[in-house]
């Protein structure tokens, strides 16, 4: 069963609808006891880093998630700001992240961008898979995914980057370390490609 973590930030309804269409068991919950029964997790997130991280803290879920992800090694997929929370810290705020993947979230260097409006990076963009995990199986990489962000995950270990996107400069849009995965784009807004990602996550 997929546990879609509901802590007050993220498009949980759209994710749940996709799993309903796929007929894959899932739950949307902020209840610690219910989430403990899930076999893997999706950590969504929308907004700025500190506000989103504070929501997670206020929900009382940090200890539970650390236990389930770091000790019991259950798989987790962070989406958008949920991916950024996997890092140790962010230039967007002062709170520490979950620290599950070594790295820091940095603001996209607007000086390297030729597109206007320069930031945020918004709309569809193709992606490049740099390490196979199974998450992008069956995905049309040329069509890509829908993005909306001004910050990106700068991984401390190059081997933790699984996908990149070119927007002025090439930057990570997918990371993975062990049982922890993250994507910067919004699969729930990316039609067939996004559905494929959610299906793959349930199967890897």
Protein backbone atom coordinates (compact mmCIF):
# COMPACT_ATOMS: atom_id res chain seq x y z
CA UNK A 1 0.00 0.00 0.00
CA UNK A 2 1.17 3.51 -0.89
CA UNK A 3 0.97 6.05 1.92
CA UNK A 4 0.42 9.56 0.51
CA UNK A 5 1.56 11.78 3.35
CA UNK A 6 -0.93 14.53 4.12
CA UNK A 7 0.66 17.19 6.32
CA UNK A 8 -1.10 20.21 4.81
CA UNK A 9 1.08 20.84 1.76
CA UNK A 10 0.91 19.24 -1.66
CA UNK A 11 -1.56 18.10 -4.26
CA UNK A 12 -2.52 14.88 -2.46
CA UNK A 13 -5.94 14.61 -4.13
CA UNK A 14 -4.52 14.47 -7.65
CA UNK A 15 -1.99 11.81 -6.64
CA UNK A 16 -4.68 9.73 -4.96
CA UNK A 17 -6.87 9.98 -8.07
CA UNK A 18 -4.09 8.55 -10.22
CA UNK A 19 -3.59 5.60 -7.88
CA UNK A 20 -7.35 5.08 -7.83
CA UNK A 21 -7.38 4.92 -11.64
CA UNK A 22 -4.44 2.49 -11.53
CA UNK A 23 -6.28 0.38 -8.94
CA UNK A 24 -3.23 0.41 -6.71
CA UNK A 25 -3.94 0.32 -2.95
CA UNK A 26 -3.19 3.66 -1.31
CA UNK A 27 -4.24 5.97 1.48
CA UNK A 28 -4.05 9.70 2.06
CA UNK A 29 -3.43 10.35 5.72
CA UNK A 30 -1.77 12.45 8.34
CA UNK A 31 -2.44 9.82 11.01
CA UNK A 32 0.78 8.30 12.30
CA UNK A 33 -0.68 4.89 13.09
CA UNK A 34 -2.28 4.60 9.65
CA UNK A 35 0.88 5.68 7.83
CA UNK A 36 2.97 3.18 9.76
CA UNK A 37 1.05 0.40 7.97
CA UNK A 38 2.02 1.66 4.49
CA UNK A 39 4.69 -0.20 2.55
CA UNK A 40 6.06 2.90 0.80
CA UNK A 41 5.45 6.64 0.87
CA UNK A 42 4.94 9.67 -1.32
CA UNK A 43 6.01 12.99 0.19
CA UNK A 44 4.42 15.87 -1.78
CA UNK A 45 5.11 19.54 -1.26
CA UNK A 46 4.09 22.94 -2.59
CA UNK A 47 5.40 26.36 -1.55
CA UNK A 48 8.63 27.56 0.01
CA UNK A 49 11.09 25.32 1.81
CA UNK A 50 10.82 26.60 5.39
CA UNK A 51 7.02 26.74 5.46
CA UNK A 52 6.76 23.24 4.04
CA UNK A 53 9.39 21.84 6.41
CA UNK A 54 7.62 23.50 9.34
CA UNK A 55 4.36 21.81 8.30
CA UNK A 56 6.14 18.44 8.44
CA UNK A 57 7.55 19.25 11.87
CA UNK A 58 4.21 20.46 13.21
CA UNK A 59 2.51 17.29 11.96
CA UNK A 60 4.67 15.23 14.32
CA UNK A 61 5.72 12.94 11.48
CA UNK A 62 9.49 13.46 11.44
CA UNK A 63 10.31 10.72 13.96
CA UNK A 64 7.89 8.29 12.32
CA UNK A 65 9.28 8.95 8.85
CA UNK A 66 12.88 8.62 10.03
CA UNK A 67 11.99 5.26 11.58
CA UNK A 68 10.12 3.98 8.52
CA UNK A 69 12.57 5.28 5.90
CA UNK A 70 15.98 5.14 7.56
CA UNK A 71 15.56 2.13 9.85
CA UNK A 72 12.91 -0.02 8.17
CA UNK A 73 14.11 1.05 4.72
CA UNK A 74 10.68 1.65 3.23
CA UNK A 75 10.80 3.43 -0.12
CA UNK A 76 9.81 7.10 -0.29
CA UNK A 77 9.32 9.42 -3.26
CA UNK A 78 9.54 13.17 -2.69
CA UNK A 79 7.80 15.41 -5.24
CA UNK A 80 8.61 19.07 -6.00
CA UNK A 81 9.28 20.75 -2.63
CA UNK A 82 8.88 17.26 -1.15
CA UNK A 83 12.03 16.36 -3.08
CA UNK A 84 13.81 19.44 -1.74
CA UNK A 85 12.95 18.43 1.83
CA UNK A 86 15.10 15.32 1.30
CA UNK A 87 18.19 17.57 1.29
CA UNK A 88 20.17 18.75 4.29
CA UNK A 89 19.35 22.43 3.83
CA UNK A 90 18.13 25.07 1.37
CA UNK A 91 19.16 28.55 0.31
CA UNK A 92 15.44 29.39 0.41
CA UNK A 93 15.28 29.14 4.19
CA UNK A 94 17.08 28.47 7.44
CA UNK A 95 15.47 25.26 8.67
CA UNK A 96 17.34 21.97 8.21
CA UNK A 97 15.82 19.48 5.78
CA UNK A 98 15.26 15.81 6.46
CA UNK A 99 18.82 15.07 5.37
CA UNK A 100 18.01 11.75 3.72
CA UNK A 101 20.09 12.58 0.64
CA UNK A 102 23.31 14.56 1.01
CA UNK A 103 23.08 17.94 -0.68
CA UNK A 104 21.74 21.47 -0.53
CA UNK A 105 18.90 23.13 -2.39
CA UNK A 106 20.14 26.15 -4.34
CA UNK A 107 18.45 28.93 -6.27
CA UNK A 108 18.65 28.57 -10.04
CA UNK A 109 21.29 30.97 -11.38
CA UNK A 110 19.17 33.47 -13.32
CA UNK A 111 22.31 34.84 -14.96
CA UNK A 112 22.56 31.67 -17.04
CA UNK A 113 18.97 31.74 -18.30
CA UNK A 114 18.05 32.89 -21.79
CA UNK A 115 14.31 32.36 -21.35
CA UNK A 116 11.87 35.07 -20.29
CA UNK A 117 10.29 35.21 -17.82
CA UNK A 118 13.47 33.81 -16.37
CA UNK A 119 12.17 32.40 -13.10
CA UNK A 120 10.42 30.34 -12.09
CA UNK A 121 11.20 27.50 -14.48
CA UNK A 122 7.61 26.81 -15.49
CA UNK A 123 6.07 24.49 -18.07
CA UNK A 124 6.98 21.31 -19.91
CA UNK A 125 10.60 20.30 -20.31
CA UNK A 126 12.29 17.17 -21.59
CA UNK A 127 14.53 15.32 -19.15
CA UNK A 128 17.63 13.16 -19.42
CA UNK A 129 17.92 9.93 -17.46
CA UNK A 130 21.46 9.52 -16.15
CA UNK A 131 20.98 6.47 -13.92
CA UNK A 132 18.38 3.75 -14.36
CA UNK A 133 16.20 3.10 -11.31
CA UNK A 134 13.02 1.86 -12.98
CA UNK A 135 11.10 5.02 -12.08
CA UNK A 136 11.28 6.36 -15.64
CA UNK A 137 10.47 3.06 -17.35
CA UNK A 138 8.00 3.60 -20.19
CA UNK A 139 8.31 7.38 -20.01
CA UNK A 140 8.58 9.59 -23.10
CA UNK A 141 11.66 11.56 -22.03
CA UNK A 142 11.37 13.84 -25.05
CA UNK A 143 7.92 15.00 -23.95
CA UNK A 144 9.17 15.24 -20.40
CA UNK A 145 7.32 16.62 -17.41
CA UNK A 146 5.67 19.75 -16.04
CA UNK A 147 7.95 21.94 -13.89
CA UNK A 148 7.34 24.89 -11.59
CA UNK A 149 10.33 25.86 -9.45
CA UNK A 150 13.06 28.44 -8.80
CA UNK A 151 15.32 26.20 -6.70
CA UNK A 152 17.07 22.95 -7.54
CA UNK A 153 18.65 20.06 -5.63
CA UNK A 154 22.46 20.22 -5.72
CA UNK A 155 23.42 16.69 -4.72
CA UNK A 156 26.67 16.24 -2.80
CA UNK A 157 27.27 12.89 -4.53
CA UNK A 158 27.04 12.87 -8.35
CA UNK A 159 25.94 9.23 -8.23
CA UNK A 160 22.75 10.28 -6.43
CA UNK A 161 21.52 12.16 -9.53
CA UNK A 162 19.20 10.00 -11.64
CA UNK A 163 17.78 12.60 -14.04
CA UNK A 164 18.63 16.11 -15.22
CA UNK A 165 16.84 18.94 -16.96
CA UNK A 166 18.41 21.71 -19.08
CA UNK A 167 17.17 25.20 -18.24
CA UNK A 168 19.97 27.63 -18.88
CA UNK A 169 22.27 25.07 -17.31
CA UNK A 170 21.82 21.37 -16.69
CA UNK A 171 20.58 20.61 -13.18
CA UNK A 172 19.32 17.62 -11.27
CA UNK A 173 15.57 17.00 -11.48
CA UNK A 174 15.72 13.47 -10.08
CA UNK A 175 17.73 12.08 -7.18
CA UNK A 176 17.96 8.72 -5.44
CA UNK A 177 19.99 7.19 -2.66
CA UNK A 178 19.14 3.72 -1.45
CA UNK A 179 15.39 3.60 -0.80
CA UNK A 180 14.93 7.39 -1.05
CA UNK A 181 13.85 8.97 -4.36
CA UNK A 182 12.86 12.47 -5.44
CA UNK A 183 11.66 14.34 -8.53
CA UNK A 184 11.54 18.12 -8.94
CA UNK A 185 8.80 18.04 -11.59
CA UNK A 186 5.10 17.45 -10.94
CA UNK A 187 4.18 13.94 -12.12
CA UNK A 188 0.58 14.53 -11.04
CA UNK A 189 0.40 17.29 -13.71
CA UNK A 190 2.37 15.41 -16.37
CA UNK A 191 -0.35 13.22 -17.91
CA UNK A 192 0.75 9.78 -19.18
CA UNK A 193 4.38 10.29 -18.15
CA UNK A 194 3.37 11.12 -14.60
CA UNK A 195 1.03 8.14 -14.41
CA UNK A 196 3.93 5.93 -15.51
CA UNK A 197 6.13 7.31 -12.72
CA UNK A 198 3.50 6.61 -10.06
CA UNK A 199 2.93 3.12 -11.42
CA UNK A 200 6.66 2.44 -11.50
CA UNK A 201 7.10 3.62 -7.93
CA UNK A 202 4.53 1.09 -6.78
CA UNK A 203 6.50 -1.68 -8.48
CA UNK A 204 10.20 -0.99 -7.99
